[in-house]
Amino acid sequence: MWKVLFCFVFLFSFSYGYEDFVQYEKGYYYVEIKKGSFENVNSKLIEEIKAHGWDVIHTINVDKTVKMKSFYKTHLLCKAKYLKKGIERFKAIGVIIPCKMAVYYEGNKVKIMVEDVSEYGRIYAPEDKEFRRFLIKVRDELIDILNRTASRFMKSRYTPYE
């Protein structure tokens, strides 16, 4: 009985493991920041990316490319340690890297999005459970970057049970 209870608590903690900043929509996770300029949010985002050991290998200035009036950037990210491990598990990982994170204005909010990289495991290597676990680890770290960036601008409403 205690094993069943432990499993339930363990699974429940995963479903509510993210702070209240991160939301999910089909294929991506995102946060919306109401206070803070685009430049400041983008700057703090890049700081968090680097603090997690990731590199911004390129930034696509979507706003300039399509001549938008508001800011829109897509950062292409890579973490050498993860890339090495990914190649060992799935040689064709080049089709799914780099990871992408977009930041733009949506109304009066700055929205930061990151793709759900864990979906790639189901698409490219559904039989490889270790590769799928690896992608979940990568996804969770990218989600942590979103949370930590948002926490610089907003106070959390998340209250853990004691």
C-alpha atoms as a PDB file:
ATOM      1  CA  MET A   1       0.000   0.000   0.000  1.00  0.00           C
ATOM      2  CA  TRP A   2       2.780   2.429   0.861  1.00  0.00           C
ATOM      3  CA  LYS A   3       4.295   1.829  -2.597  1.00  0.00           C
ATOM      4  CA  VAL A   4       1.051   2.895  -4.271  1.00  0.00           C
ATOM      5  CA  LEU A   5       0.868   5.996  -2.074  1.00  0.00           C
ATOM      6  CA  PHE A   6       4.505   6.833  -2.828  1.00  0.00           C
ATOM      7  CA  CYS A   7       3.904   6.475  -6.584  1.00  0.00           C
ATOM      8  CA  PHE A   8       0.822   8.703  -6.380  1.00  0.00           C
ATOM      9  CA  VAL A   9       2.702  11.429  -4.468  1.00  0.00           C
ATOM     10  CA  PHE A  10       5.665  11.114  -6.842  1.00  0.00           C
ATOM     11  CA  LEU A  11       3.502  11.471  -9.962  1.00  0.00           C
ATOM     12  CA  PHE A  12       1.419  14.255  -8.389  1.00  0.00           C
ATOM     13  CA  SER A  13       4.587  16.236  -7.650  1.00  0.00           C
ATOM     14  CA  PHE A  14       5.555  16.064 -11.328  1.00  0.00           C
ATOM     15  CA  SER A  15       2.209  17.386 -12.502  1.00  0.00           C
ATOM     16  CA  TYR A  16       2.527  20.379 -10.179  1.00  0.00           C
ATOM     17  CA  GLY A  17       6.303  20.605 -10.124  1.00  0.00           C
ATOM     18  CA  TYR A  18       6.558  23.831 -12.060  1.00  0.00           C
ATOM     19  CA  GLU A  19       5.876  27.148 -10.463  1.00  0.00           C
ATOM     20  CA  ASP A  20       2.822  29.019 -11.549  1.00  0.00           C
ATOM     21  CA  PHE A  21       4.701  31.089 -14.127  1.00  0.00           C
ATOM     22  CA  VAL A  22       5.016  28.375 -16.760  1.00  0.00           C
ATOM     23  CA  GLN A  23       2.056  27.412 -18.874  1.00  0.00           C
ATOM     24  CA  TYR A  24       1.772  24.784 -21.578  1.00  0.00           C
ATOM     25  CA  GLU A  25       0.200  24.865 -24.987  1.00  0.00           C
ATOM     26  CA  LYS A  26       0.428  22.138 -27.583  1.00  0.00           C
ATOM     27  CA  GLY A  27       4.109  21.790 -28.402  1.00  0.00           C
ATOM     28  CA  TYR A  28       5.569  24.538 -26.206  1.00  0.00           C
ATOM     29  CA  TYR A  29       5.897  25.998 -22.733  1.00  0.00           C
ATOM     30  CA  TYR A  30       5.694  29.720 -22.080  1.00  0.00           C
ATOM     31  CA  VAL A  31       5.646  32.535 -19.545  1.00  0.00           C
ATOM     32  CA  GLU A  32       4.049  35.954 -19.854  1.00  0.00           C
ATOM     33  CA  ILE A  33       5.720  38.896 -18.141  1.00  0.00           C
ATOM     34  CA  LYS A  34       3.593  41.992 -17.594  1.00  0.00           C
ATOM     35  CA  LYS A  35       6.206  44.210 -15.952  1.00  0.00           C
ATOM     36  CA  GLY A  36       9.501  44.930 -17.634  1.00  0.00           C
ATOM     37  CA  SER A  37      10.603  46.196 -21.003  1.00  0.00           C
ATOM     38  CA  PHE A  38      11.386  43.822 -23.833  1.00  0.00           C
ATOM     39  CA  GLU A  39      15.066  44.741 -23.666  1.00  0.00           C
ATOM     40  CA  ASN A  40      15.256  44.072 -19.921  1.00  0.00           C
ATOM     41  CA  VAL A  41      13.344  40.774 -20.124  1.00  0.00           C
ATOM     42  CA  ASN A  42      15.466  39.603 -23.047  1.00  0.00           C
ATOM     43  CA  SER A  43      18.652  40.576 -21.214  1.00  0.00           C
ATOM     44  CA  LYS A  44      17.629  38.644 -18.074  1.00  0.00           C
ATOM     45  CA  LEU A  45      16.584  35.675 -20.218  1.00  0.00           C
ATOM     46  CA  ILE A  46      20.041  35.529 -21.793  1.00  0.00           C
ATOM     47  CA  GLU A  47      21.614  35.760 -18.320  1.00  0.00           C
ATOM     48  CA  GLU A  48      19.533  32.765 -17.180  1.00  0.00           C
ATOM     49  CA  ILE A  49      20.388  30.795 -20.315  1.00  0.00           C
ATOM     50  CA  LYS A  50      24.102  31.315 -19.639  1.00  0.00           C
ATOM     51  CA  ALA A  51      23.714  30.621 -15.894  1.00  0.00           C
ATOM     52  CA  HIS A  52      22.320  27.196 -16.815  1.00  0.00           C
ATOM     53  CA  GLY A  53      25.401  26.474 -18.947  1.00  0.00           C
ATOM     54  CA  TRP A  54      23.718  26.982 -22.316  1.00  0.00           C
ATOM     55  CA  ASP A  55      25.086  29.018 -25.198  1.00  0.00           C
ATOM     56  CA  VAL A  56      23.049  31.282 -27.448  1.00  0.00           C
ATOM     57  CA  ILE A  57      24.596  30.198 -30.732  1.00  0.00           C
ATOM     58  CA  HIS A  58      22.509  32.558 -32.860  1.00  0.00           C
ATOM     59  CA  THR A  59      19.656  35.016 -32.512  1.00  0.00           C
ATOM     60  CA  ILE A  60      17.202  35.426 -35.340  1.00  0.00           C
ATOM     61  CA  ASN A  61      15.855  38.959 -35.407  1.00  0.00           C
ATOM     62  CA  VAL A  62      12.400  37.978 -36.594  1.00  0.00           C
ATOM     63  CA  ASP A  63      11.162  41.547 -36.113  1.00  0.00           C
ATOM     64  CA  LYS A  64      13.727  42.936 -38.567  1.00  0.00           C
ATOM     65  CA  THR A  65      13.403  40.060 -41.035  1.00  0.00           C
ATOM     66  CA  VAL A  66       9.652  40.495 -41.441  1.00  0.00           C
ATOM     67  CA  LYS A  67       9.708  44.243 -40.690  1.00  0.00           C
ATOM     68  CA  MET A  68       7.553  44.084 -37.553  1.00  0.00           C
ATOM     69  CA  LYS A  69       6.952  47.163 -35.447  1.00  0.00           C
ATOM     70  CA  SER A  70       7.402  45.299 -32.147  1.00  0.00           C
ATOM     71  CA  PHE A  71      10.324  43.235 -30.920  1.00  0.00           C
ATOM     72  CA  TYR A  72      10.504  39.513 -31.708  1.00  0.00           C
ATOM     73  CA  LYS A  73      13.662  37.403 -31.304  1.00  0.00           C
ATOM     74  CA  THR A  74      14.289  33.678 -31.576  1.00  0.00           C
ATOM     75  CA  HIS A  75      17.354  32.418 -29.731  1.00  0.00           C
ATOM     76  CA  LEU A  76      18.966  29.193 -30.908  1.00  0.00           C
ATOM     77  CA  LEU A  77      20.469  27.384 -27.919  1.00  0.00           C
ATOM     78  CA  CYS A  78      22.932  24.572 -27.425  1.00  0.00           C
ATOM     79  CA  LYS A  79      24.621  22.975 -24.440  1.00  0.00           C
ATOM     80  CA  ALA A  80      27.766  21.090 -25.435  1.00  0.00           C
ATOM     81  CA  LYS A  81      27.390  18.515 -22.634  1.00  0.00           C
ATOM     82  CA  TYR A  82      23.870  17.659 -23.779  1.00  0.00           C
ATOM     83  CA  LEU A  83      24.850  17.633 -27.440  1.00  0.00           C
ATOM     84  CA  LYS A  84      27.596  15.100 -26.749  1.00  0.00           C
ATOM     85  CA  LYS A  85      25.245  12.853 -24.794  1.00  0.00           C
ATOM     86  CA  GLY A  86      22.524  13.272 -27.419  1.00  0.00           C
ATOM     87  CA  ILE A  87      24.813  12.212 -30.253  1.00  0.00           C
ATOM     88  CA  GLU A  88      25.794   9.112 -28.295  1.00  0.00           C
ATOM     89  CA  ARG A  89      22.114   8.130 -27.972  1.00  0.00           C
ATOM     90  CA  PHE A  90      20.749   9.335 -31.322  1.00  0.00           C
ATOM     91  CA  LYS A  91      23.170  10.050 -34.178  1.00  0.00           C
ATOM     92  CA  ALA A  92      20.543  11.969 -36.121  1.00  0.00           C
ATOM     93  CA  ILE A  93      20.158  14.533 -33.319  1.00  0.00           C
ATOM     94  CA  GLY A  94      21.219  17.203 -35.797  1.00  0.00           C
ATOM     95  CA  VAL A  95      17.661  17.269 -37.121  1.00  0.00           C
ATOM     96  CA  ILE A  96      16.359  18.486 -33.762  1.00  0.00           C
ATOM     97  CA  ILE A  97      19.075  20.883 -32.621  1.00  0.00           C
ATOM     98  CA  PRO A  98      19.483  23.630 -31.713  1.00  0.00           C
ATOM     99  CA  CYS A  99      16.790  24.168 -29.111  1.00  0.00           C
ATOM    100  CA  LYS A 100      14.707  27.255 -29.779  1.00  0.00           C
ATOM    101  CA  MET A 101      13.413  29.945 -27.447  1.00  0.00           C
ATOM    102  CA  ALA A 102      11.315  32.854 -28.733  1.00  0.00           C
ATOM    103  CA  VAL A 103      10.704  36.149 -26.961  1.00  0.00           C
ATOM    104  CA  TYR A 104       8.242  38.761 -28.225  1.00  0.00           C
ATOM    105  CA  TYR A 105       5.502  41.200 -27.320  1.00  0.00           C
ATOM    106  CA  GLU A 106       1.961  39.904 -27.147  1.00  0.00           C
ATOM    107  CA  GLY A 107      -0.294  42.824 -26.354  1.00  0.00           C
ATOM    108  CA  ASN A 108       1.199  44.544 -23.299  1.00  0.00           C
ATOM    109  CA  LYS A 109       3.139  41.449 -22.147  1.00  0.00           C
ATOM    110  CA  VAL A 110       6.484  39.980 -23.067  1.00  0.00           C
ATOM    111  CA  LYS A 111       6.031  36.302 -23.857  1.00  0.00           C
ATOM    112  CA  ILE A 112       8.873  33.790 -23.765  1.00  0.00           C
ATOM    113  CA  MET A 113       8.312  30.393 -25.361  1.00  0.00           C
ATOM    114  CA  VAL A 114      10.375  27.235 -25.543  1.00  0.00           C
ATOM    115  CA  GLU A 115       9.573  24.199 -27.618  1.00  0.00           C
ATOM    116  CA  ASP A 116       8.701  20.936 -25.903  1.00  0.00           C
ATOM    117  CA  VAL A 117      11.822  19.013 -26.917  1.00  0.00           C
ATOM    118  CA  SER A 118      10.531  15.871 -25.179  1.00  0.00           C
ATOM    119  CA  GLU A 119       8.097  15.434 -28.078  1.00  0.00           C
ATOM    120  CA  TYR A 120      11.031  14.655 -30.374  1.00  0.00           C
ATOM    121  CA  GLY A 121      11.649  11.380 -28.565  1.00  0.00           C
ATOM    122  CA  ARG A 122       8.188  10.155 -29.536  1.00  0.00           C
ATOM    123  CA  ILE A 123       8.717  11.242 -33.137  1.00  0.00           C
ATOM    124  CA  TYR A 124      12.289  10.177 -33.865  1.00  0.00           C
ATOM    125  CA  ALA A 125      13.046   7.350 -31.443  1.00  0.00           C
ATOM    126  CA  PRO A 126       9.850   6.081 -29.804  1.00  0.00           C
ATOM    127  CA  GLU A 127      11.467   2.786 -28.809  1.00  0.00           C
ATOM    128  CA  ASP A 128      14.468   4.427 -27.089  1.00  0.00           C
ATOM    129  CA  LYS A 129      13.342   5.105 -23.500  1.00  0.00           C
ATOM    130  CA  GLU A 130      16.745   6.359 -22.400  1.00  0.00           C
ATOM    131  CA  PHE A 131      16.766   8.980 -25.169  1.00  0.00           C
ATOM    132  CA  ARG A 132      13.252  10.065 -24.188  1.00  0.00           C
ATOM    133  CA  ARG A 133      14.345  10.439 -20.526  1.00  0.00           C
ATOM    134  CA  PHE A 134      17.305  12.501 -21.718  1.00  0.00           C
ATOM    135  CA  LEU A 135      15.000  14.812 -23.679  1.00  0.00           C
ATOM    136  CA  ILE A 136      12.738  15.219 -20.639  1.00  0.00           C
ATOM    137  CA  LYS A 137      15.793  16.333 -18.645  1.00  0.00           C
ATOM    138  CA  VAL A 138      16.629  18.897 -21.349  1.00  0.00           C
ATOM    139  CA  ARG A 139      12.994  20.070 -21.431  1.00  0.00           C
ATOM    140  CA  ASP A 140      12.878  20.484 -17.656  1.00  0.00           C
ATOM    141  CA  GLU A 141      16.031  22.578 -17.686  1.00  0.00           C
ATOM    142  CA  LEU A 142      14.608  24.840 -20.388  1.00  0.00           C
ATOM    143  CA  ILE A 143      11.435  25.199 -18.317  1.00  0.00           C
ATOM    144  CA  ASP A 144      13.587  26.149 -15.320  1.00  0.00           C
ATOM    145  CA  ILE A 145      15.132  28.924 -17.419  1.00  0.00           C
ATOM    146  CA  LEU A 146      11.607  30.230 -18.099  1.00  0.00           C
ATOM    147  CA  ASN A 147      10.688  30.071 -14.403  1.00  0.00           C
ATOM    148  CA  ARG A 148      13.828  31.777 -13.217  1.00  0.00           C
ATOM    149  CA  THR A 149      13.525  34.518 -15.803  1.00  0.00           C
ATOM    150  CA  ALA A 150       9.890  35.158 -14.895  1.00  0.00           C
ATOM    151  CA  SER A 151      10.716  35.145 -11.173  1.00  0.00           C
ATOM    152  CA  ARG A 152      12.959  38.162 -11.741  1.00  0.00           C
ATOM    153  CA  PHE A 153       9.898  40.175 -12.757  1.00  0.00           C
ATOM    154  CA  MET A 154       6.992  38.623 -10.881  1.00  0.00           C
ATOM    155  CA  LYS A 155       6.275  37.345  -7.409  1.00  0.00           C
ATOM    156  CA  SER A 156       5.266  33.705  -7.329  1.00  0.00           C
ATOM    157  CA  ARG A 157       1.804  32.696  -6.194  1.00  0.00           C
ATOM    158  CA  TYR A 158       3.054  29.130  -5.805  1.00  0.00           C
ATOM    159  CA  THR A 159       2.556  27.913  -2.249  1.00  0.00           C
ATOM    160  CA  PRO A 160       3.803  24.400  -1.511  1.00  0.00           C
ATOM    161  CA  TYR A 161       1.911  22.296   0.992  1.00  0.00           C
ATOM    162  CA  GLU A 162       3.741  21.850   4.256  1.00  0.00           C
END
